[in-house]
N, C-alpha and C. Protein backbone atom coordinates (compact mmCIF):
# COMPACT_ATOMS: atom_id res chain seq x y z
N MET A 1 89.92 125.35 74.81
CA MET A 1 89.45 123.98 74.60
C MET A 1 90.61 122.97 74.75
N PHE A 2 91.77 123.32 74.17
CA PHE A 2 92.91 122.43 74.25
C PHE A 2 93.30 122.15 75.69
N HIS A 3 93.44 123.20 76.49
CA HIS A 3 93.89 123.01 77.87
C HIS A 3 92.85 122.26 78.70
N PHE A 4 91.57 122.43 78.38
CA PHE A 4 90.51 121.69 79.08
C PHE A 4 90.67 120.19 78.82
N ILE A 5 90.85 119.83 77.56
CA ILE A 5 91.04 118.41 77.20
C ILE A 5 92.37 117.90 77.77
N GLN A 6 93.39 118.75 77.74
CA GLN A 6 94.69 118.38 78.26
C GLN A 6 94.60 118.03 79.75
N ILE A 7 93.86 118.84 80.51
CA ILE A 7 93.70 118.59 81.94
C ILE A 7 92.93 117.30 82.20
N LEU A 8 91.87 117.06 81.40
CA LEU A 8 91.08 115.83 81.56
C LEU A 8 91.93 114.59 81.26
N ALA A 9 92.77 114.70 80.25
CA ALA A 9 93.56 113.54 79.83
C ALA A 9 94.81 113.34 80.69
N ALA A 10 95.26 114.41 81.34
CA ALA A 10 96.54 114.36 82.05
C ALA A 10 96.58 113.32 83.16
N LEU A 11 95.56 113.28 84.01
CA LEU A 11 95.60 112.37 85.16
C LEU A 11 95.68 110.91 84.75
N PRO A 12 94.77 110.40 83.90
CA PRO A 12 94.87 108.98 83.53
C PRO A 12 96.15 108.65 82.77
N ILE A 13 96.61 109.54 81.89
CA ILE A 13 97.82 109.26 81.13
C ILE A 13 99.05 109.28 82.03
N LYS A 14 99.09 110.21 82.98
CA LYS A 14 100.23 110.27 83.89
C LYS A 14 100.25 109.07 84.84
N ILE A 15 99.07 108.55 85.14
CA ILE A 15 99.00 107.35 85.99
C ILE A 15 99.44 106.12 85.21
N PHE A 16 98.89 105.95 84.01
CA PHE A 16 99.18 104.76 83.22
C PHE A 16 100.55 104.81 82.54
N PHE A 17 101.01 106.03 82.20
CA PHE A 17 102.31 106.18 81.51
C PHE A 17 103.16 107.22 82.25
N PRO A 18 103.63 106.89 83.45
CA PRO A 18 104.41 107.86 84.25
C PRO A 18 105.70 108.25 83.55
N THR A 19 105.83 109.54 83.24
CA THR A 19 106.97 110.00 82.44
C THR A 19 107.56 111.27 83.02
N LYS A 20 108.87 111.29 83.13
CA LYS A 20 109.58 112.49 83.58
C LYS A 20 110.25 113.13 82.38
N ILE A 21 110.08 114.44 82.24
CA ILE A 21 110.72 115.16 81.14
C ILE A 21 111.91 115.94 81.67
N VAL A 22 113.06 115.68 81.11
CA VAL A 22 114.30 116.33 81.52
C VAL A 22 114.71 117.36 80.46
N GLY A 23 114.89 118.60 80.89
CA GLY A 23 115.34 119.64 79.96
C GLY A 23 114.25 120.49 79.35
N LYS A 24 113.12 120.62 80.04
CA LYS A 24 112.03 121.46 79.50
C LYS A 24 112.49 122.88 79.20
N LYS A 25 113.46 123.36 79.99
CA LYS A 25 113.94 124.73 79.83
C LYS A 25 114.58 124.96 78.46
N ASN A 26 114.94 123.87 77.78
CA ASN A 26 115.56 124.00 76.46
C ASN A 26 114.57 124.33 75.36
N ILE A 27 113.28 124.22 75.66
CA ILE A 27 112.27 124.57 74.65
C ILE A 27 112.15 126.08 74.60
N PRO A 28 112.50 126.73 73.49
CA PRO A 28 112.47 128.20 73.44
C PRO A 28 111.05 128.74 73.33
N LYS A 29 110.91 130.01 73.61
CA LYS A 29 109.64 130.67 73.40
C LYS A 29 109.45 130.89 71.91
N GLY A 30 108.21 130.88 71.47
CA GLY A 30 107.94 131.12 70.06
C GLY A 30 108.09 129.88 69.21
N ALA A 31 108.21 130.10 67.91
CA ALA A 31 108.22 129.00 66.94
C ALA A 31 109.49 128.17 67.04
N CYS A 32 109.32 126.86 66.92
CA CYS A 32 110.44 125.93 66.84
C CYS A 32 109.90 124.59 66.38
N ILE A 33 110.82 123.71 66.01
CA ILE A 33 110.45 122.34 65.66
C ILE A 33 111.06 121.41 66.69
N ILE A 34 110.23 120.58 67.30
CA ILE A 34 110.70 119.57 68.24
C ILE A 34 110.84 118.28 67.46
N SER A 35 112.05 117.76 67.42
CA SER A 35 112.37 116.60 66.58
C SER A 35 112.68 115.41 67.48
N SER A 36 111.81 114.39 67.44
CA SER A 36 111.91 113.28 68.39
C SER A 36 111.99 111.92 67.71
N ASN A 37 112.66 110.98 68.38
CA ASN A 37 112.59 109.58 67.94
C ASN A 37 111.16 109.08 68.16
N HIS A 38 110.81 107.98 67.51
CA HIS A 38 109.41 107.53 67.53
C HIS A 38 109.36 106.07 67.98
N THR A 39 108.69 105.83 69.12
CA THR A 39 108.64 104.49 69.69
C THR A 39 107.24 103.90 69.71
N SER A 40 106.20 104.78 69.74
CA SER A 40 104.83 104.30 69.94
C SER A 40 103.84 105.36 69.49
N ASN A 41 102.60 104.93 69.23
CA ASN A 41 101.54 105.89 68.91
C ASN A 41 101.20 106.78 70.10
N MET A 42 101.69 106.41 71.29
CA MET A 42 101.43 107.20 72.50
C MET A 42 102.46 108.30 72.70
N ASP A 43 103.53 108.32 71.92
CA ASP A 43 104.62 109.28 72.14
C ASP A 43 104.12 110.72 72.22
N ALA A 44 103.43 111.16 71.19
CA ALA A 44 102.99 112.56 71.13
C ALA A 44 101.96 112.86 72.22
N VAL A 45 101.09 111.91 72.51
CA VAL A 45 100.06 112.11 73.53
C VAL A 45 100.71 112.30 74.90
N VAL A 46 101.65 111.44 75.24
CA VAL A 46 102.35 111.53 76.53
C VAL A 46 103.06 112.88 76.65
N PHE A 47 103.73 113.29 75.58
CA PHE A 47 104.44 114.56 75.60
C PHE A 47 103.47 115.74 75.72
N ALA A 48 102.35 115.65 75.03
CA ALA A 48 101.38 116.75 75.03
C ALA A 48 100.80 117.02 76.41
N VAL A 49 100.52 115.95 77.17
CA VAL A 49 99.91 116.16 78.48
C VAL A 49 100.94 116.50 79.56
N ASN A 50 102.21 116.34 79.24
CA ASN A 50 103.26 116.65 80.22
C ASN A 50 103.91 118.02 79.98
N THR A 51 103.48 118.72 78.96
CA THR A 51 103.95 120.09 78.70
C THR A 51 102.73 120.96 78.43
N TRP A 52 102.70 122.14 79.02
CA TRP A 52 101.48 122.95 79.03
C TRP A 52 101.16 123.59 77.69
N GLU A 53 102.15 124.17 77.02
CA GLU A 53 101.89 124.91 75.79
C GLU A 53 101.43 123.98 74.67
N LYS A 54 100.46 124.43 73.91
CA LYS A 54 99.96 123.61 72.80
C LYS A 54 101.01 123.51 71.70
N LYS A 55 101.17 122.29 71.19
CA LYS A 55 102.07 122.05 70.08
C LYS A 55 101.30 121.33 68.97
N TYR A 56 101.82 121.38 67.77
CA TYR A 56 101.15 120.76 66.64
C TYR A 56 101.98 119.59 66.15
N TYR A 57 101.29 118.49 65.84
CA TYR A 57 101.95 117.22 65.57
C TYR A 57 101.55 116.68 64.21
N LEU A 58 102.53 116.17 63.48
CA LEU A 58 102.21 115.43 62.26
C LEU A 58 101.83 114.01 62.65
N ALA A 59 100.68 113.58 62.19
CA ALA A 59 100.20 112.23 62.53
C ALA A 59 99.68 111.55 61.26
N LYS A 60 100.06 110.29 61.09
CA LYS A 60 99.65 109.55 59.88
C LYS A 60 98.13 109.47 59.81
N LYS A 61 97.60 109.51 58.59
CA LYS A 61 96.16 109.56 58.39
C LYS A 61 95.44 108.33 58.94
N GLU A 62 96.17 107.20 59.02
CA GLU A 62 95.57 105.96 59.52
C GLU A 62 95.07 106.09 60.96
N LEU A 63 95.68 106.99 61.72
CA LEU A 63 95.29 107.17 63.13
C LEU A 63 93.92 107.84 63.26
N PHE A 64 93.43 108.39 62.17
CA PHE A 64 92.16 109.12 62.21
C PHE A 64 90.98 108.27 61.75
N LYS A 65 91.23 106.98 61.50
CA LYS A 65 90.14 106.10 61.09
C LYS A 65 89.09 105.96 62.18
N ASN A 66 89.56 105.87 63.42
CA ASN A 66 88.64 105.88 64.56
C ASN A 66 88.28 107.33 64.86
N LYS A 67 87.03 107.69 64.67
CA LYS A 67 86.62 109.10 64.78
C LYS A 67 86.86 109.67 66.17
N ALA A 68 86.64 108.85 67.19
CA ALA A 68 86.82 109.33 68.57
C ALA A 68 88.29 109.64 68.84
N PHE A 69 89.16 108.69 68.47
CA PHE A 69 90.59 108.89 68.70
C PHE A 69 91.13 109.99 67.79
N GLY A 70 90.62 110.04 66.56
CA GLY A 70 91.03 111.09 65.63
C GLY A 70 90.66 112.46 66.14
N GLY A 71 89.46 112.57 66.71
CA GLY A 71 89.02 113.84 67.29
C GLY A 71 89.88 114.24 68.47
N PHE A 72 90.26 113.25 69.29
CA PHE A 72 91.13 113.51 70.43
C PHE A 72 92.49 114.01 69.96
N LEU A 73 93.03 113.38 68.91
CA LEU A 73 94.32 113.81 68.38
C LEU A 73 94.25 115.24 67.83
N LYS A 74 93.18 115.54 67.11
CA LYS A 74 93.02 116.90 66.58
C LYS A 74 92.97 117.93 67.69
N SER A 75 92.30 117.57 68.79
CA SER A 75 92.20 118.50 69.92
C SER A 75 93.57 118.78 70.54
N LEU A 76 94.48 117.81 70.39
CA LEU A 76 95.84 117.98 70.92
C LEU A 76 96.77 118.67 69.92
N GLY A 77 96.24 118.96 68.72
CA GLY A 77 97.04 119.68 67.72
C GLY A 77 97.54 118.82 66.58
N ALA A 78 96.97 117.63 66.39
CA ALA A 78 97.45 116.73 65.33
C ALA A 78 97.11 117.27 63.94
N ILE A 79 98.05 117.15 63.03
CA ILE A 79 97.87 117.51 61.63
C ILE A 79 97.94 116.22 60.82
N LYS A 80 96.87 115.87 60.16
CA LYS A 80 96.80 114.61 59.41
C LYS A 80 97.68 114.68 58.16
N ILE A 81 98.48 113.63 57.95
CA ILE A 81 99.34 113.59 56.77
C ILE A 81 99.28 112.22 56.10
N ASP A 82 99.26 112.25 54.79
CA ASP A 82 99.32 111.03 53.98
C ASP A 82 100.79 110.76 53.69
N ARG A 83 101.36 109.72 54.31
CA ARG A 83 102.78 109.45 54.17
C ARG A 83 103.13 108.83 52.82
N GLN A 84 102.11 108.38 52.10
CA GLN A 84 102.35 107.74 50.80
C GLN A 84 102.30 108.72 49.64
N ALA A 85 102.07 109.99 49.94
CA ALA A 85 101.96 110.98 48.88
C ALA A 85 102.64 112.27 49.31
N ASN A 86 102.86 113.15 48.35
CA ASN A 86 103.41 114.47 48.65
C ASN A 86 102.25 115.35 49.13
N ASP A 87 101.97 115.30 50.43
CA ASP A 87 100.78 115.92 51.00
C ASP A 87 100.97 117.44 51.14
N ILE A 88 100.65 118.17 50.10
CA ILE A 88 100.85 119.62 50.07
C ILE A 88 100.03 120.32 51.15
N THR A 89 98.81 119.83 51.39
CA THR A 89 97.95 120.44 52.41
C THR A 89 98.61 120.39 53.78
N ALA A 90 99.15 119.22 54.13
CA ALA A 90 99.82 119.07 55.43
C ALA A 90 101.06 119.94 55.51
N ILE A 91 101.81 120.03 54.42
CA ILE A 91 103.02 120.86 54.39
C ILE A 91 102.67 122.32 54.64
N LYS A 92 101.63 122.80 53.97
CA LYS A 92 101.20 124.19 54.15
C LYS A 92 100.74 124.45 55.58
N GLN A 93 100.03 123.48 56.16
CA GLN A 93 99.58 123.62 57.54
C GLN A 93 100.77 123.73 58.50
N CYS A 94 101.78 122.92 58.27
CA CYS A 94 102.97 122.94 59.13
C CYS A 94 103.69 124.29 59.03
N LEU A 95 103.86 124.79 57.82
CA LEU A 95 104.52 126.08 57.64
C LEU A 95 103.71 127.22 58.25
N LYS A 96 102.40 127.10 58.20
CA LYS A 96 101.54 128.12 58.81
C LYS A 96 101.68 128.11 60.34
N VAL A 97 101.78 126.90 60.91
CA VAL A 97 101.98 126.78 62.36
C VAL A 97 103.23 127.55 62.78
N LEU A 98 104.32 127.36 62.04
CA LEU A 98 105.59 128.02 62.37
C LEU A 98 105.51 129.53 62.09
N LYS A 99 104.84 129.90 61.02
CA LYS A 99 104.67 131.31 60.70
C LYS A 99 103.87 132.02 61.78
N ASP A 100 102.94 131.30 62.39
CA ASP A 100 102.11 131.87 63.46
C ASP A 100 102.81 131.83 64.83
N ASN A 101 104.11 131.55 64.81
CA ASN A 101 104.94 131.56 66.02
C ASN A 101 104.57 130.45 67.01
N LYS A 102 104.16 129.31 66.46
CA LYS A 102 103.79 128.17 67.28
C LYS A 102 104.80 127.04 67.10
N LYS A 103 104.62 125.97 67.84
CA LYS A 103 105.59 124.88 67.86
C LYS A 103 105.08 123.67 67.08
N LEU A 104 105.99 123.09 66.31
CA LEU A 104 105.67 121.92 65.49
C LEU A 104 106.49 120.73 65.99
N PHE A 105 105.83 119.61 66.21
CA PHE A 105 106.47 118.39 66.72
C PHE A 105 106.52 117.37 65.59
N ILE A 106 107.71 116.87 65.28
CA ILE A 106 107.86 115.94 64.16
C ILE A 106 108.70 114.73 64.56
N PHE A 107 108.31 113.57 64.05
CA PHE A 107 109.14 112.37 64.14
C PHE A 107 109.91 112.28 62.82
N PRO A 108 111.18 112.66 62.79
CA PRO A 108 111.90 112.75 61.51
C PRO A 108 112.11 111.42 60.81
N GLU A 109 111.98 110.30 61.55
CA GLU A 109 112.12 108.99 60.92
C GLU A 109 110.89 108.64 60.09
N GLY A 110 109.78 109.32 60.39
CA GLY A 110 108.56 109.11 59.62
C GLY A 110 107.74 107.91 60.04
N THR A 111 108.30 107.05 60.86
CA THR A 111 107.59 105.87 61.33
C THR A 111 108.25 105.38 62.61
N ARG A 112 107.59 104.45 63.29
CA ARG A 112 108.17 103.91 64.52
C ARG A 112 109.36 103.01 64.19
N VAL A 113 110.40 103.15 64.98
CA VAL A 113 111.58 102.30 64.82
C VAL A 113 111.65 101.37 66.01
N LYS A 114 111.64 100.08 65.72
CA LYS A 114 111.57 99.08 66.79
C LYS A 114 112.93 98.41 66.99
N ASN A 115 113.67 98.88 67.97
CA ASN A 115 114.90 98.21 68.36
C ASN A 115 115.15 98.48 69.83
N GLU A 116 115.79 97.55 70.49
CA GLU A 116 115.96 97.61 71.94
C GLU A 116 116.84 98.77 72.38
N ASN A 117 117.77 99.19 71.55
CA ASN A 117 118.71 100.24 71.92
C ASN A 117 118.21 101.64 71.58
N MET A 118 116.98 101.73 71.06
CA MET A 118 116.41 103.02 70.67
C MET A 118 117.32 103.76 69.69
N GLU A 119 117.91 103.01 68.78
CA GLU A 119 118.78 103.63 67.77
C GLU A 119 117.93 104.38 66.75
N LEU A 120 118.43 105.53 66.34
CA LEU A 120 117.70 106.37 65.40
C LEU A 120 117.69 105.75 64.02
N GLY A 121 116.52 105.73 63.39
CA GLY A 121 116.41 105.23 62.03
C GLY A 121 116.81 106.31 61.03
N GLU A 122 116.50 106.08 59.79
CA GLU A 122 116.83 107.06 58.73
C GLU A 122 116.04 108.35 58.95
N VAL A 123 116.73 109.45 58.95
CA VAL A 123 116.10 110.76 59.13
C VAL A 123 115.65 111.29 57.77
N LYS A 124 114.36 111.55 57.64
CA LYS A 124 113.81 112.07 56.39
C LYS A 124 114.09 113.58 56.30
N HIS A 125 113.68 114.18 55.19
CA HIS A 125 113.98 115.59 54.93
C HIS A 125 113.05 116.59 55.61
N GLY A 126 111.94 116.11 56.18
CA GLY A 126 110.90 117.03 56.67
C GLY A 126 111.37 118.06 57.67
N VAL A 127 112.04 117.62 58.74
CA VAL A 127 112.47 118.55 59.78
C VAL A 127 113.37 119.64 59.20
N ALA A 128 114.36 119.23 58.42
CA ALA A 128 115.30 120.20 57.84
C ALA A 128 114.58 121.17 56.91
N MET A 129 113.69 120.65 56.07
CA MET A 129 112.98 121.49 55.12
C MET A 129 112.14 122.56 55.83
N PHE A 130 111.35 122.14 56.83
CA PHE A 130 110.52 123.10 57.56
C PHE A 130 111.37 124.12 58.32
N ALA A 131 112.44 123.65 58.95
CA ALA A 131 113.29 124.54 59.75
C ALA A 131 113.96 125.60 58.88
N VAL A 132 114.41 125.19 57.70
CA VAL A 132 115.08 126.14 56.81
C VAL A 132 114.09 127.11 56.18
N LYS A 133 112.97 126.59 55.70
CA LYS A 133 111.97 127.46 55.07
C LYS A 133 111.40 128.48 56.06
N ALA A 134 111.16 128.04 57.30
CA ALA A 134 110.56 128.94 58.30
C ALA A 134 111.62 129.68 59.11
N LYS A 135 112.89 129.29 58.96
CA LYS A 135 114.00 129.90 59.70
C LYS A 135 113.76 129.85 61.21
N VAL A 136 113.52 128.64 61.70
CA VAL A 136 113.25 128.44 63.13
C VAL A 136 114.22 127.42 63.71
N PRO A 137 114.45 127.46 65.03
CA PRO A 137 115.34 126.47 65.66
C PRO A 137 114.71 125.09 65.74
N ILE A 138 115.58 124.09 65.84
CA ILE A 138 115.17 122.70 66.02
C ILE A 138 115.57 122.27 67.43
N VAL A 139 114.66 121.62 68.13
CA VAL A 139 114.92 121.12 69.48
C VAL A 139 114.94 119.59 69.44
N PRO A 140 116.09 118.96 69.63
CA PRO A 140 116.12 117.49 69.62
C PRO A 140 115.49 116.91 70.88
N MET A 141 114.84 115.77 70.73
CA MET A 141 114.18 115.11 71.86
C MET A 141 114.41 113.61 71.76
N PHE A 142 114.59 112.96 72.92
CA PHE A 142 114.84 111.52 72.92
C PHE A 142 113.97 110.84 73.96
N ILE A 143 113.17 109.87 73.50
CA ILE A 143 112.33 109.06 74.39
C ILE A 143 113.11 107.79 74.70
N THR A 144 113.36 107.54 75.98
CA THR A 144 114.29 106.46 76.35
C THR A 144 113.69 105.06 76.22
N LYS A 145 112.34 104.95 76.35
CA LYS A 145 111.70 103.65 76.26
C LYS A 145 110.35 103.78 75.56
N LYS A 146 109.91 102.69 74.96
CA LYS A 146 108.55 102.67 74.42
C LYS A 146 107.57 102.75 75.58
N PRO A 147 106.60 103.69 75.53
CA PRO A 147 105.63 103.80 76.61
C PRO A 147 104.84 102.51 76.81
N LYS A 148 104.86 102.03 78.04
CA LYS A 148 104.07 100.86 78.42
C LYS A 148 103.34 101.16 79.73
N ILE A 149 102.18 100.56 79.90
CA ILE A 149 101.35 100.85 81.07
C ILE A 149 102.13 100.58 82.35
N PHE A 150 102.13 101.60 83.22
CA PHE A 150 102.74 101.59 84.55
C PHE A 150 104.27 101.51 84.54
N ARG A 151 104.90 101.58 83.38
CA ARG A 151 106.36 101.58 83.34
C ARG A 151 106.87 103.03 83.33
N ARG A 152 107.76 103.33 84.25
CA ARG A 152 108.32 104.68 84.32
C ARG A 152 109.22 104.93 83.11
N ASN A 153 109.15 106.16 82.62
CA ASN A 153 109.90 106.50 81.42
C ASN A 153 110.50 107.90 81.58
N LYS A 154 111.47 108.20 80.74
CA LYS A 154 112.08 109.53 80.72
C LYS A 154 112.18 110.04 79.30
N ILE A 155 111.93 111.33 79.17
CA ILE A 155 112.10 112.02 77.90
C ILE A 155 113.14 113.12 78.11
N PHE A 156 114.16 113.13 77.26
CA PHE A 156 115.21 114.14 77.34
C PHE A 156 115.05 115.16 76.21
N ILE A 157 115.17 116.43 76.57
CA ILE A 157 115.07 117.50 75.58
C ILE A 157 116.42 118.22 75.52
N GLY A 158 116.99 118.27 74.33
CA GLY A 158 118.31 118.88 74.17
C GLY A 158 118.25 120.36 73.84
N GLU A 159 119.41 120.95 73.68
CA GLU A 159 119.51 122.37 73.37
C GLU A 159 119.13 122.63 71.91
N PRO A 160 118.44 123.74 71.67
CA PRO A 160 118.04 124.05 70.29
C PRO A 160 119.23 124.41 69.42
N PHE A 161 119.09 124.16 68.13
CA PHE A 161 120.11 124.54 67.16
C PHE A 161 119.41 125.00 65.88
N GLU A 162 120.15 125.71 65.03
CA GLU A 162 119.57 126.20 63.78
C GLU A 162 120.40 125.74 62.59
N LEU A 163 119.77 125.73 61.45
CA LEU A 163 120.44 125.37 60.19
C LEU A 163 120.67 126.62 59.35
N GLN A 164 121.27 127.61 59.98
CA GLN A 164 121.42 128.93 59.35
C GLN A 164 122.23 128.88 58.06
N GLU A 165 123.16 127.93 57.96
CA GLU A 165 124.00 127.87 56.77
C GLU A 165 123.20 127.51 55.51
N PHE A 166 121.95 127.06 55.71
CA PHE A 166 121.11 126.70 54.57
C PHE A 166 120.04 127.76 54.27
N TYR A 167 119.93 128.77 55.12
CA TYR A 167 118.91 129.80 54.91
C TYR A 167 119.16 130.52 53.58
N GLY A 168 118.09 130.70 52.82
CA GLY A 168 118.20 131.43 51.56
C GLY A 168 118.71 130.60 50.40
N LYS A 169 119.10 129.35 50.66
CA LYS A 169 119.58 128.49 49.59
C LYS A 169 118.44 127.70 48.96
N LYS A 170 118.64 127.31 47.71
CA LYS A 170 117.69 126.42 47.06
C LYS A 170 117.84 125.03 47.67
N LEU A 171 116.74 124.47 48.15
CA LEU A 171 116.80 123.19 48.86
C LEU A 171 116.71 122.01 47.90
N ALA A 172 117.79 121.78 47.20
CA ALA A 172 117.88 120.60 46.35
C ALA A 172 118.16 119.39 47.22
N SER A 173 118.13 118.23 46.63
CA SER A 173 118.30 116.98 47.38
C SER A 173 119.61 116.95 48.16
N GLU A 174 120.69 117.46 47.55
CA GLU A 174 122.00 117.45 48.21
C GLU A 174 122.00 118.29 49.48
N GLU A 175 121.40 119.48 49.38
CA GLU A 175 121.33 120.36 50.55
C GLU A 175 120.47 119.76 51.65
N LEU A 176 119.36 119.15 51.26
CA LEU A 176 118.48 118.54 52.25
C LEU A 176 119.15 117.34 52.93
N ASP A 177 119.94 116.59 52.15
CA ASP A 177 120.69 115.47 52.73
C ASP A 177 121.68 115.98 53.78
N SER A 178 122.39 117.05 53.44
CA SER A 178 123.38 117.62 54.36
C SER A 178 122.72 118.16 55.62
N ALA A 179 121.59 118.86 55.45
CA ALA A 179 120.87 119.41 56.59
C ALA A 179 120.30 118.28 57.46
N GLY A 180 119.80 117.24 56.79
CA GLY A 180 119.27 116.08 57.52
C GLY A 180 120.34 115.38 58.32
N ASP A 181 121.56 115.35 57.79
CA ASP A 181 122.67 114.73 58.51
C ASP A 181 122.96 115.47 59.81
N ILE A 182 122.83 116.79 59.78
CA ILE A 182 123.04 117.59 60.99
C ILE A 182 121.96 117.29 62.02
N VAL A 183 120.72 117.17 61.55
CA VAL A 183 119.62 116.82 62.46
C VAL A 183 119.88 115.47 63.11
N ALA A 184 120.26 114.49 62.32
CA ALA A 184 120.54 113.15 62.84
C ALA A 184 121.70 113.18 63.83
N GLU A 185 122.74 113.96 63.52
CA GLU A 185 123.90 114.06 64.41
C GLU A 185 123.50 114.63 65.77
N LYS A 186 122.70 115.69 65.77
CA LYS A 186 122.27 116.32 67.01
C LYS A 186 121.39 115.38 67.83
N MET A 187 120.52 114.65 67.15
CA MET A 187 119.64 113.72 67.86
C MET A 187 120.42 112.55 68.44
N ASN A 188 121.42 112.07 67.71
CA ASN A 188 122.24 110.97 68.21
C ASN A 188 123.11 111.42 69.38
N GLU A 189 123.57 112.67 69.35
CA GLU A 189 124.33 113.22 70.48
C GLU A 189 123.47 113.23 71.73
N LEU A 190 122.21 113.64 71.59
CA LEU A 190 121.30 113.66 72.73
C LEU A 190 121.02 112.25 73.22
N ARG A 191 120.86 111.32 72.29
CA ARG A 191 120.62 109.92 72.67
C ARG A 191 121.76 109.40 73.53
N GLU A 192 122.98 109.63 73.10
CA GLU A 192 124.15 109.17 73.85
C GLU A 192 124.19 109.81 75.24
N LYS A 193 123.93 111.09 75.29
CA LYS A 193 123.93 111.81 76.56
C LYS A 193 122.86 111.26 77.50
N ALA A 194 121.67 111.01 76.96
CA ALA A 194 120.57 110.48 77.77
C ALA A 194 120.87 109.10 78.29
N LEU A 195 121.37 108.22 77.42
CA LEU A 195 121.67 106.84 77.84
C LEU A 195 122.81 106.80 78.85
N ASN A 196 123.79 107.68 78.68
CA ASN A 196 124.88 107.77 79.65
C ASN A 196 124.38 108.22 81.01
N SER A 197 123.44 109.17 80.98
CA SER A 197 122.85 109.66 82.22
C SER A 197 122.09 108.56 82.95
N LEU A 198 121.36 107.76 82.20
CA LEU A 198 120.61 106.67 82.80
C LEU A 198 121.53 105.59 83.36
N THR A 199 122.63 105.33 82.66
CA THR A 199 123.59 104.31 83.10
C THR A 199 124.28 104.72 84.41
N LYS A 200 124.60 106.00 84.53
CA LYS A 200 125.29 106.49 85.72
C LYS A 200 124.42 106.39 86.96
N LYS A 201 123.12 106.45 86.79
CA LYS A 201 122.21 106.43 87.93
C LYS A 201 121.89 105.01 88.40
N LYS A 202 122.31 104.00 87.64
CA LYS A 202 122.03 102.61 88.01
C LYS A 202 123.01 102.14 89.08
């Protein structure tokens, strides 16, 4: 069902939001967390139709108010989360996705960050917590521009890394802060690499 909907959605989305993905080979087989900056509600949709394997996405509950769009998001693997509460149901769903050897896509900033330089906002604890609990690699991802109709865009995917030094430890606030700092560092490294690549081609 997912691939059927993916194929139907692919043509119009690729026409309206032409996007090139650089570094697909960096996505490992099996379970991992894809950690991306967040520019638009279209981010996950554009990524989903440009990569074949089904991935699961955390999406704010507000996006499900429209039943048609909410149903479309669910078909693409969206997991509804209440950002204003400690949503245990969503957390369990995410851990189950990783336990089932599938891929989880997260915006670690938790919300869209609006700035011209695509600078990374504050990285929340979610990516680090899931990666450590499930003992899976994290794949950094950087979207170079906010998706706009007919504007060409690029998405860069970096090399996976793990937070092995935190495996088996109690995840208190201090440990999560330290692990989150590593996630932010890796994502910022990819951002710099991506922007440098774009500058050299001009």
